[in-house]
Amino acid sequence: LLQIGLAADVYMGQFDDSKYREESEAFYAAKSNPDL
């Protein structure tokens, strides 16, 4: 699945960046909003 990009940010080391993790948390919080 990584070959088509699934969870590629983890393997690319982006999760080591706390700011990136915060952005991802905000993204998935918004994604779960029924209005969105």
PDB file of all heavy atoms in Angstrom:
ATOM      1  N   LEU A   1       0.820  -1.215   0.000  1.00  0.00           N
ATOM      2  CA  LEU A   1       0.000   0.000   0.000  1.00  0.00           C
ATOM      3  C   LEU A   1       0.849   1.258   0.000  1.00  0.00           C
ATOM      4  O   LEU A   1       0.433   2.301  -0.512  1.00  0.00           O
ATOM      5  CB  LEU A   1      -0.952  -0.016   1.198  1.00  0.00           C
ATOM      6  CG  LEU A   1      -2.001  -1.132   1.195  1.00  0.00           C
ATOM      7  CD1 LEU A   1      -2.869  -1.069   2.441  1.00  0.00           C
ATOM      8  CD2 LEU A   1      -2.860  -1.061  -0.060  1.00  0.00           C
ATOM      9  N   LEU A   2       2.042   1.178   0.584  1.00  0.00           N
ATOM     10  CA  LEU A   2       2.936   2.333   0.551  1.00  0.00           C
ATOM     11  C   LEU A   2       3.296   2.697  -0.885  1.00  0.00           C
ATOM     12  O   LEU A   2       3.521   3.865  -1.198  1.00  0.00           O
ATOM     13  CB  LEU A   2       4.205   2.023   1.346  1.00  0.00           C
ATOM     14  CG  LEU A   2       5.316   3.082   1.281  1.00  0.00           C
ATOM     15  CD1 LEU A   2       4.822   4.427   1.795  1.00  0.00           C
ATOM     16  CD2 LEU A   2       6.539   2.619   2.055  1.00  0.00           C
ATOM     17  N   GLN A   3       3.325   1.725  -1.773  1.00  0.00           N
ATOM     18  CA  GLN A   3       3.698   1.984  -3.166  1.00  0.00           C
ATOM     19  C   GLN A   3       2.722   2.922  -3.864  1.00  0.00           C
ATOM     20  O   GLN A   3       3.092   3.588  -4.841  1.00  0.00           O
ATOM     21  CB  GLN A   3       3.790   0.665  -3.934  1.00  0.00           C
ATOM     22  CG  GLN A   3       4.902  -0.249  -3.465  1.00  0.00           C
ATOM     23  CD  GLN A   3       4.956  -1.544  -4.266  1.00  0.00           C
ATOM     24  OE1 GLN A   3       4.253  -1.727  -5.251  1.00  0.00           O
ATOM     25  NE2 GLN A   3       5.808  -2.452  -3.836  1.00  0.00           N
ATOM     26  N   ILE A   4       1.479   2.983  -3.402  1.00  0.00           N
ATOM     27  CA  ILE A   4       0.523   3.929  -3.998  1.00  0.00           C
ATOM     28  C   ILE A   4       0.305   5.145  -3.095  1.00  0.00           C
ATOM     29  O   ILE A   4      -0.578   5.957  -3.345  1.00  0.00           O
ATOM     30  CB  ILE A   4      -0.821   3.246  -4.318  1.00  0.00           C
ATOM     31  CG1 ILE A   4      -1.451   2.612  -3.077  1.00  0.00           C
ATOM     32  CG2 ILE A   4      -0.645   2.226  -5.416  1.00  0.00           C
ATOM     33  CD1 ILE A   4      -2.837   2.032  -3.347  1.00  0.00           C
ATOM     34  N   GLY A   5       1.125   5.246  -2.021  1.00  0.00           N
ATOM     35  CA  GLY A   5       1.128   6.464  -1.211  1.00  0.00           C
ATOM     36  C   GLY A   5       0.500   6.376   0.159  1.00  0.00           C
ATOM     37  O   GLY A   5       0.571   7.338   0.922  1.00  0.00           O
ATOM     38  N   LEU A   6      -0.148   5.257   0.520  1.00  0.00           N
ATOM     39  CA  LEU A   6      -0.861   5.195   1.797  1.00  0.00           C
ATOM     40  C   LEU A   6       0.106   5.345   2.962  1.00  0.00           C
ATOM     41  O   LEU A   6       1.062   4.583   3.096  1.00  0.00           O
ATOM     42  CB  LEU A   6      -1.622   3.881   1.915  1.00  0.00           C
ATOM     43  CG  LEU A   6      -2.501   3.744   3.164  1.00  0.00           C
ATOM     44  CD1 LEU A   6      -3.535   4.876   3.227  1.00  0.00           C
ATOM     45  CD2 LEU A   6      -3.211   2.395   3.183  1.00  0.00           C
ATOM     46  N   ALA A   7      -0.154   6.367   3.801  1.00  0.00           N
ATOM     47  CA  ALA A   7       0.657   6.657   4.993  1.00  0.00           C
ATOM     48  C   ALA A   7       2.097   7.001   4.629  1.00  0.00           C
ATOM     49  O   ALA A   7       3.008   6.777   5.429  1.00  0.00           O
ATOM     50  CB  ALA A   7       0.609   5.491   5.973  1.00  0.00           C
ATOM     51  N   ALA A   8       2.302   7.572   3.463  1.00  0.00           N
ATOM     52  CA  ALA A   8       3.663   7.900   3.022  1.00  0.00           C
ATOM     53  C   ALA A   8       4.323   8.928   3.929  1.00  0.00           C
ATOM     54  O   ALA A   8       5.547   8.942   4.072  1.00  0.00           O
ATOM     55  CB  ALA A   8       3.634   8.416   1.581  1.00  0.00           C
ATOM     56  N   ASP A   9       3.523   9.794   4.567  1.00  0.00           N
ATOM     57  CA  ASP A   9       4.114  10.827   5.418  1.00  0.00           C
ATOM     58  C   ASP A   9       4.872  10.222   6.599  1.00  0.00           C
ATOM     59  O   ASP A   9       5.870  10.781   7.073  1.00  0.00           O
ATOM     60  CB  ASP A   9       3.060  11.817   5.903  1.00  0.00           C
ATOM     61  CG  ASP A   9       1.875  11.161   6.589  1.00  0.00           C
ATOM     62  OD1 ASP A   9       1.817   9.912   6.665  1.00  0.00           O
ATOM     63  OD2 ASP A   9       0.981  11.892   7.055  1.00  0.00           O
ATOM     64  N   VAL A  10       4.420   9.072   7.096  1.00  0.00           N
ATOM     65  CA  VAL A  10       5.126   8.412   8.192  1.00  0.00           C
ATOM     66  C   VAL A  10       6.491   7.933   7.724  1.00  0.00           C
ATOM     67  O   VAL A  10       7.513   8.152   8.375  1.00  0.00           O
ATOM     68  CB  VAL A  10       4.302   7.229   8.743  1.00  0.00           C
ATOM     69  CG1 VAL A  10       5.126   6.418   9.739  1.00  0.00           C
ATOM     70  CG2 VAL A  10       3.030   7.734   9.412  1.00  0.00           C
ATOM     71  N   TYR A  11       6.517   7.275   6.578  1.00  0.00           N
ATOM     72  CA  TYR A  11       7.766   6.714   6.062  1.00  0.00           C
ATOM     73  C   TYR A  11       8.735   7.804   5.609  1.00  0.00           C
ATOM     74  O   TYR A  11       9.944   7.578   5.565  1.00  0.00           O
ATOM     75  CB  TYR A  11       7.464   5.761   4.909  1.00  0.00           C
ATOM     76  CG  TYR A  11       6.716   4.531   5.336  1.00  0.00           C
ATOM     77  CD1 TYR A  11       5.320   4.503   5.315  1.00  0.00           C
ATOM     78  CD2 TYR A  11       7.388   3.397   5.783  1.00  0.00           C
ATOM     79  CE1 TYR A  11       4.607   3.376   5.715  1.00  0.00           C
ATOM     80  CE2 TYR A  11       6.698   2.264   6.185  1.00  0.00           C
ATOM     81  CZ  TYR A  11       5.304   2.258   6.145  1.00  0.00           C
ATOM     82  OH  TYR A  11       4.610   1.144   6.560  1.00  0.00           O
ATOM     83  N   MET A  12       8.206   8.977   5.271  1.00  0.00           N
ATOM     84  CA  MET A  12       9.064  10.084   4.845  1.00  0.00           C
ATOM     85  C   MET A  12       9.552  10.920   6.020  1.00  0.00           C
ATOM     86  O   MET A  12      10.232  11.928   5.832  1.00  0.00           O
ATOM     87  CB  MET A  12       8.311  10.963   3.843  1.00  0.00           C
ATOM     88  CG  MET A  12       7.964  10.247   2.551  1.00  0.00           C
ATOM     89  SD  MET A  12       6.948  11.241   1.410  1.00  0.00           S
ATOM     90  CE  MET A  12       8.144  12.454   0.862  1.00  0.00           C
ATOM     91  N   GLY A  13       9.173  10.530   7.236  1.00  0.00           N
ATOM     92  CA  GLY A  13       9.668  11.214   8.429  1.00  0.00           C
ATOM     93  C   GLY A  13       8.924  12.471   8.816  1.00  0.00           C
ATOM     94  O   GLY A  13       9.336  13.186   9.729  1.00  0.00           O
ATOM     95  N   GLN A  14       7.800  12.767   8.139  1.00  0.00           N
ATOM     96  CA  GLN A  14       7.081  14.007   8.448  1.00  0.00           C
ATOM     97  C   GLN A  14       6.431  13.966   9.828  1.00  0.00           C
ATOM     98  O   GLN A  14       6.187  15.011  10.431  1.00  0.00           O
ATOM     99  CB  GLN A  14       6.020  14.271   7.370  1.00  0.00           C
ATOM    100  CG  GLN A  14       6.620  14.638   6.022  1.00  0.00           C
ATOM    101  CD  GLN A  14       5.575  14.793   4.937  1.00  0.00           C
ATOM    102  OE1 GLN A  14       5.080  13.806   4.399  1.00  0.00           O
ATOM    103  NE2 GLN A  14       5.236  16.033   4.600  1.00  0.00           N
ATOM    104  N   PHE A  15       6.165  12.766  10.329  1.00  0.00           N
ATOM    105  CA  PHE A  15       5.551  12.654  11.651  1.00  0.00           C
ATOM    106  C   PHE A  15       6.511  13.027  12.765  1.00  0.00           C
ATOM    107  O   PHE A  15       6.108  13.167  13.917  1.00  0.00           O
ATOM    108  CB  PHE A  15       4.993  11.243  11.855  1.00  0.00           C
ATOM    109  CG  PHE A  15       3.509  11.161  11.694  1.00  0.00           C
ATOM    110  CD1 PHE A  15       2.912  11.538  10.506  1.00  0.00           C
ATOM    111  CD2 PHE A  15       2.694  10.738  12.723  1.00  0.00           C
ATOM    112  CE1 PHE A  15       1.541  11.483  10.350  1.00  0.00           C
ATOM    113  CE2 PHE A  15       1.319  10.680  12.581  1.00  0.00           C
ATOM    114  CZ  PHE A  15       0.745  11.054  11.394  1.00  0.00           C
ATOM    115  N   ASP A  16       7.784  13.186  12.447  1.00  0.00           N
ATOM    116  CA  ASP A  16       8.748  13.643  13.445  1.00  0.00           C
ATOM    117  C   ASP A  16       8.585  15.133  13.725  1.00  0.00           C
ATOM    118  O   ASP A  16       9.117  15.641  14.714  1.00  0.00           O
ATOM    119  CB  ASP A  16      10.180  13.363  12.960  1.00  0.00           C
ATOM    120  CG  ASP A  16      10.450  11.878  12.804  1.00  0.00           C
ATOM    121  OD1 ASP A  16       9.771  11.087  13.481  1.00  0.00           O
ATOM    122  OD2 ASP A  16      11.331  11.514  12.005  1.00  0.00           O
ATOM    123  N   ASP A  17       7.862  15.821  12.866  1.00  0.00           N
ATOM    124  CA  ASP A  17       7.622  17.260  13.000  1.00  0.00           C
ATOM    125  C   ASP A  17       6.313  17.475  13.761  1.00  0.00           C
ATOM    126  O   ASP A  17       5.241  17.105  13.276  1.00  0.00           O
ATOM    127  CB  ASP A  17       7.548  17.886  11.609  1.00  0.00           C
ATOM    128  CG  ASP A  17       7.400  19.405  11.642  1.00  0.00           C
ATOM    129  OD1 ASP A  17       7.087  19.951  12.720  1.00  0.00           O
ATOM    130  OD2 ASP A  17       7.581  20.040  10.591  1.00  0.00           O
ATOM    131  N   SER A  18       6.387  18.064  14.939  1.00  0.00           N
ATOM    132  CA  SER A  18       5.195  18.255  15.775  1.00  0.00           C
ATOM    133  C   SER A  18       4.169  19.152  15.079  1.00  0.00           C
ATOM    134  O   SER A  18       2.960  18.943  15.230  1.00  0.00           O
ATOM    135  CB  SER A  18       5.580  18.858  17.128  1.00  0.00           C
ATOM    136  OG  SER A  18       6.233  20.108  16.960  1.00  0.00           O
ATOM    137  N   LYS A  19       4.625  20.136  14.313  1.00  0.00           N
ATOM    138  CA  LYS A  19       3.698  21.020  13.607  1.00  0.00           C
ATOM    139  C   LYS A  19       2.914  20.237  12.569  1.00  0.00           C
ATOM    140  O   LYS A  19       1.705  20.440  12.403  1.00  0.00           O
ATOM    141  CB  LYS A  19       4.457  22.164  12.940  1.00  0.00           C
ATOM    142  CG  LYS A  19       3.542  23.154  12.227  1.00  0.00           C
ATOM    143  CD  LYS A  19       4.323  24.309  11.609  1.00  0.00           C
ATOM    144  CE  LYS A  19       3.394  25.276  10.906  1.00  0.00           C
ATOM    145  NZ  LYS A  19       4.144  26.406  10.271  1.00  0.00           N
ATOM    146  N   TYR A  20       3.590  19.310  11.875  1.00  0.00           N
ATOM    147  CA  TYR A  20       2.899  18.499  10.869  1.00  0.00           C
ATOM    148  C   TYR A  20       1.849  17.608  11.535  1.00  0.00           C
ATOM    149  O   TYR A  20       0.745  17.443  11.020  1.00  0.00           O
ATOM    150  CB  TYR A  20       3.898  17.636  10.100  1.00  0.00           C
ATOM    151  CG  TYR A  20       3.251  16.760   9.052  1.00  0.00           C
ATOM    152  CD1 TYR A  20       2.970  17.256   7.781  1.00  0.00           C
ATOM    153  CD2 TYR A  20       2.873  15.443   9.343  1.00  0.00           C
ATOM    154  CE1 TYR A  20       2.346  16.472   6.824  1.00  0.00           C
ATOM    155  CE2 TYR A  20       2.254  14.650   8.393  1.00  0.00           C
ATOM    156  CZ  TYR A  20       1.988  15.165   7.140  1.00  0.00           C
ATOM    157  OH  TYR A  20       1.371  14.386   6.199  1.00  0.00           O
ATOM    158  N   ARG A  21       2.182  17.045  12.679  1.00  0.00           N
ATOM    159  CA  ARG A  21       1.218  16.201  13.388  1.00  0.00           C
ATOM    160  C   ARG A  21      -0.010  17.014  13.789  1.00  0.00           C
ATOM    161  O   ARG A  21      -1.145  16.532  13.701  1.00  0.00           O
ATOM    162  CB  ARG A  21       1.868  15.575  14.621  1.00  0.00           C
ATOM    163  CG  ARG A  21       2.886  14.495  14.302  1.00  0.00           C
ATOM    164  CD  ARG A  21       3.445  13.893  15.589  1.00  0.00           C
ATOM    165  NE  ARG A  21       2.394  13.219  16.341  1.00  0.00           N
ATOM    166  CZ  ARG A  21       2.105  11.930  16.214  1.00  0.00           C
ATOM    167  NH1 ARG A  21       2.773  11.176  15.369  1.00  0.00           N
ATOM    168  NH2 ARG A  21       1.140  11.388  16.940  1.00  0.00           N
ATOM    169  N   GLU A  22       0.207  18.249  14.231  1.00  0.00           N
ATOM    170  CA  GLU A  22      -0.919  19.116  14.602  1.00  0.00           C
ATOM    171  C   GLU A  22      -1.800  19.402  13.388  1.00  0.00           C
ATOM    172  O   GLU A  22      -3.029  19.421  13.492  1.00  0.00           O
ATOM    173  CB  GLU A  22      -0.395  20.422  15.205  1.00  0.00           C
ATOM    174  CG  GLU A  22       0.263  20.245  16.573  1.00  0.00           C
ATOM    175  CD  GLU A  22       0.902  21.531  17.069  1.00  0.00           C
ATOM    176  OE1 GLU A  22       0.844  22.539  16.335  1.00  0.00           O
ATOM    177  OE2 GLU A  22       1.469  21.519  18.174  1.00  0.00           O
ATOM    178  N   GLU A  23      -1.176  19.638  12.244  1.00  0.00           N
ATOM    179  CA  GLU A  23      -1.948  19.877  11.025  1.00  0.00           C
ATOM    180  C   GLU A  23      -2.771  18.645  10.656  1.00  0.00           C
ATOM    181  O   GLU A  23      -3.927  18.761  10.222  1.00  0.00           O
ATOM    182  CB  GLU A  23      -1.004  20.236   9.881  1.00  0.00           C
ATOM    183  CG  GLU A  23      -0.328  21.600  10.024  1.00  0.00           C
ATOM    184  CD  GLU A  23       0.684  21.851   8.924  1.00  0.00           C
ATOM    185  OE1 GLU A  23       0.953  20.906   8.148  1.00  0.00           O
ATOM    186  OE2 GLU A  23       1.217  22.974   8.841  1.00  0.00           O
ATOM    187  N   SER A  24      -2.180  17.470  10.825  1.00  0.00           N
ATOM    188  CA  SER A  24      -2.889  16.228  10.508  1.00  0.00           C
ATOM    189  C   SER A  24      -4.056  16.007  11.467  1.00  0.00           C
ATOM    190  O   SER A  24      -5.128  15.539  11.062  1.00  0.00           O
ATOM    191  CB  SER A  24      -1.922  15.037  10.562  1.00  0.00           C
ATOM    192  OG  SER A  24      -0.951  15.132   9.543  1.00  0.00           O
ATOM    193  N   GLU A  25      -3.858  16.335  12.746  1.00  0.00           N
ATOM    194  CA  GLU A  25      -4.946  16.209  13.714  1.00  0.00           C
ATOM    195  C   GLU A  25      -6.107  17.127  13.338  1.00  0.00           C
ATOM    196  O   GLU A  25      -7.276  16.728  13.402  1.00  0.00           O
ATOM    197  CB  GLU A  25      -4.428  16.547  15.114  1.00  0.00           C
ATOM    198  CG  GLU A  25      -3.477  15.497  15.695  1.00  0.00           C
ATOM    199  CD  GLU A  25      -2.815  15.949  16.977  1.00  0.00           C
ATOM    200  OE1 GLU A  25      -3.042  17.130  17.380  1.00  0.00           O
ATOM    201  OE2 GLU A  25      -2.071  15.156  17.578  1.00  0.00           O
ATOM    202  N   ALA A  26      -5.786  18.367  12.930  1.00  0.00           N
ATOM    203  CA  ALA A  26      -6.831  19.312  12.517  1.00  0.00           C
ATOM    204  C   ALA A  26      -7.533  18.832  11.250  1.00  0.00           C
ATOM    205  O   ALA A  26      -8.753  18.963  11.107  1.00  0.00           O
ATOM    206  CB  ALA A  26      -6.216  20.697  12.299  1.00  0.00           C
ATOM    207  N   PHE A  27      -6.760  18.252  10.319  1.00  0.00           N
ATOM    208  CA  PHE A  27      -7.328  17.760   9.064  1.00  0.00           C
ATOM    209  C   PHE A  27      -8.355  16.666   9.324  1.00  0.00           C
ATOM    210  O   PHE A  27      -9.476  16.707   8.801  1.00  0.00           O
ATOM    211  CB  PHE A  27      -6.206  17.225   8.176  1.00  0.00           C
ATOM    212  CG  PHE A  27      -6.694  16.537   6.933  1.00  0.00           C
ATOM    213  CD1 PHE A  27      -7.013  17.259   5.800  1.00  0.00           C
ATOM    214  CD2 PHE A  27      -6.831  15.160   6.892  1.00  0.00           C
ATOM    215  CE1 PHE A  27      -7.466  16.625   4.647  1.00  0.00           C
ATOM    216  CE2 PHE A  27      -7.279  14.513   5.751  1.00  0.00           C
ATOM    217  CZ  PHE A  27      -7.592  15.251   4.628  1.00  0.00           C
ATOM    218  N   TYR A  28      -8.012  15.692  10.156  1.00  0.00           N
ATOM    219  CA  TYR A  28      -8.928  14.577  10.396  1.00  0.00           C
ATOM    220  C   TYR A  28     -10.085  14.970  11.312  1.00  0.00           C
ATOM    221  O   TYR A  28     -11.169  14.386  11.219  1.00  0.00           O
ATOM    222  CB  TYR A  28      -8.165  13.375  10.948  1.00  0.00           C
ATOM    223  CG  TYR A  28      -7.513  12.586   9.840  1.00  0.00           C
ATOM    224  CD1 TYR A  28      -6.176  12.784   9.509  1.00  0.00           C
ATOM    225  CD2 TYR A  28      -8.234  11.694   9.074  1.00  0.00           C
ATOM    226  CE1 TYR A  28      -5.580  12.091   8.461  1.00  0.00           C
ATOM    227  CE2 TYR A  28      -7.656  10.994   8.027  1.00  0.00           C
ATOM    228  CZ  TYR A  28      -6.335  11.200   7.727  1.00  0.00           C
ATOM    229  OH  TYR A  28      -5.757  10.516   6.682  1.00  0.00           O
ATOM    230  N   ALA A  29      -9.868  15.963  12.176  1.00  0.00           N
ATOM    231  CA  ALA A  29     -10.985  16.470  12.981  1.00  0.00           C
ATOM    232  C   ALA A  29     -12.016  17.132  12.082  1.00  0.00           C
ATOM    233  O   ALA A  29     -13.230  16.937  12.233  1.00  0.00           O
ATOM    234  CB  ALA A  29     -10.476  17.455  14.029  1.00  0.00           C
ATOM    235  N   ALA A  30     -11.538  17.908  11.110  1.00  0.00           N
ATOM    236  CA  ALA A  30     -12.449  18.564  10.169  1.00  0.00           C
ATOM    237  C   ALA A  30     -13.120  17.531   9.261  1.00  0.00           C
ATOM    238  O   ALA A  30     -14.300  17.641   8.934  1.00  0.00           O
ATOM    239  CB  ALA A  30     -11.683  19.580   9.327  1.00  0.00           C
ATOM    240  N   LYS A  31     -12.359  16.519   8.879  1.00  0.00           N
ATOM    241  CA  LYS A  31     -12.885  15.501   7.970  1.00  0.00           C
ATOM    242  C   LYS A  31     -14.044  14.729   8.588  1.00  0.00           C
ATOM    243  O   LYS A  31     -14.942  14.259   7.884  1.00  0.00           O
ATOM    244  CB  LYS A  31     -11.760  14.536   7.598  1.00  0.00           C
ATOM    245  CG  LYS A  31     -12.112  13.539   6.523  1.00  0.00           C
ATOM    246  CD  LYS A  31     -10.896  12.694   6.166  1.00  0.00           C
ATOM    247  CE  LYS A  31     -11.253  11.654   5.115  1.00  0.00           C
ATOM    248  NZ  LYS A  31     -10.088  10.817   4.764  1.00  0.00           N
ATOM    249  N   SER A  32     -14.038  14.596   9.917  1.00  0.00           N
ATOM    250  CA  SER A  32     -15.104  13.856  10.601  1.00  0.00           C
ATOM    251  C   SER A  32     -16.335  14.718  10.880  1.00  0.00           C
ATOM    252  O   SER A  32     -17.353  14.222  11.368  1.00  0.00           O
ATOM    253  CB  SER A  32     -14.579  13.288  11.925  1.00  0.00           C
ATOM    254  OG  SER A  32     -14.186  14.331  12.809  1.00  0.00           O
ATOM    255  N   ASN A  33     -16.256  16.019  10.555  1.00  0.00           N
ATOM    256  CA  ASN A  33     -17.372  16.941  10.776  1.00  0.00           C
ATOM    257  C   ASN A  33     -18.462  16.680   9.724  1.00  0.00           C
ATOM    258  O   ASN A  33     -18.194  16.734   8.527  1.00  0.00           O
ATOM    259  CB  ASN A  33     -16.867  18.378  10.663  1.00  0.00           C
ATOM    260  CG  ASN A  33     -17.925  19.396  11.024  1.00  0.00           C
ATOM    261  OD1 ASN A  33     -19.125  19.118  10.965  1.00  0.00           O
ATOM    262  ND2 ASN A  33     -17.492  20.584  11.389  1.00  0.00           N
ATOM    263  N   PRO A  34     -19.705  16.392  10.141  1.00  0.00           N
ATOM    264  CA  PRO A  34     -20.781  16.128   9.169  1.00  0.00           C
ATOM    265  C   PRO A  34     -20.994  17.265   8.170  1.00  0.00           C
ATOM    266  O   PRO A  34     -21.362  17.022   7.021  1.00  0.00           O
ATOM    267  CB  PRO A  34     -22.019  15.930  10.057  1.00  0.00           C
ATOM    268  CG  PRO A  34     -21.476  15.527  11.383  1.00  0.00           C
ATOM    269  CD  PRO A  34     -20.174  16.257  11.526  1.00  0.00           C
ATOM    270  N   ASP A  35     -20.748  18.498   8.603  1.00  0.00           N
ATOM    271  CA  ASP A  35     -20.941  19.645   7.726  1.00  0.00           C
ATOM    272  C   ASP A  35     -19.883  19.739   6.636  1.00  0.00           C
ATOM    273  O   ASP A  35     -20.000  20.565   5.720  1.00  0.00           O
ATOM    274  CB  ASP A  35     -20.935  20.943   8.536  1.00  0.00           C
ATOM    275  CG  ASP A  35     -22.151  21.072   9.441  1.00  0.00           C
ATOM    276  OD1 ASP A  35     -23.172  20.435   9.125  1.00  0.00           O
ATOM    277  OD2 ASP A  35     -22.074  21.787  10.451  1.00  0.00           O
ATOM    278  N   LEU A  36     -18.830  18.912   6.740  1.00  0.00           N
ATOM    279  CA  LEU A  36     -17.750  18.966   5.768  1.00  0.00           C
ATOM    280  C   LEU A  36     -17.685  17.709   4.908  1.00  0.00           C
ATOM    281  O   LEU A  36     -16.724  17.514   4.172  1.00  0.00           O
ATOM    282  CB  LEU A  36     -16.410  19.181   6.482  1.00  0.00           C
ATOM    283  CG  LEU A  36     -16.304  20.481   7.289  1.00  0.00           C
ATOM    284  CD1 LEU A  36     -14.956  20.577   7.974  1.00  0.00           C
ATOM    285  CD2 LEU A  36     -16.539  21.701   6.404  1.00  0.00           C
TER     286      LEU A  36
END
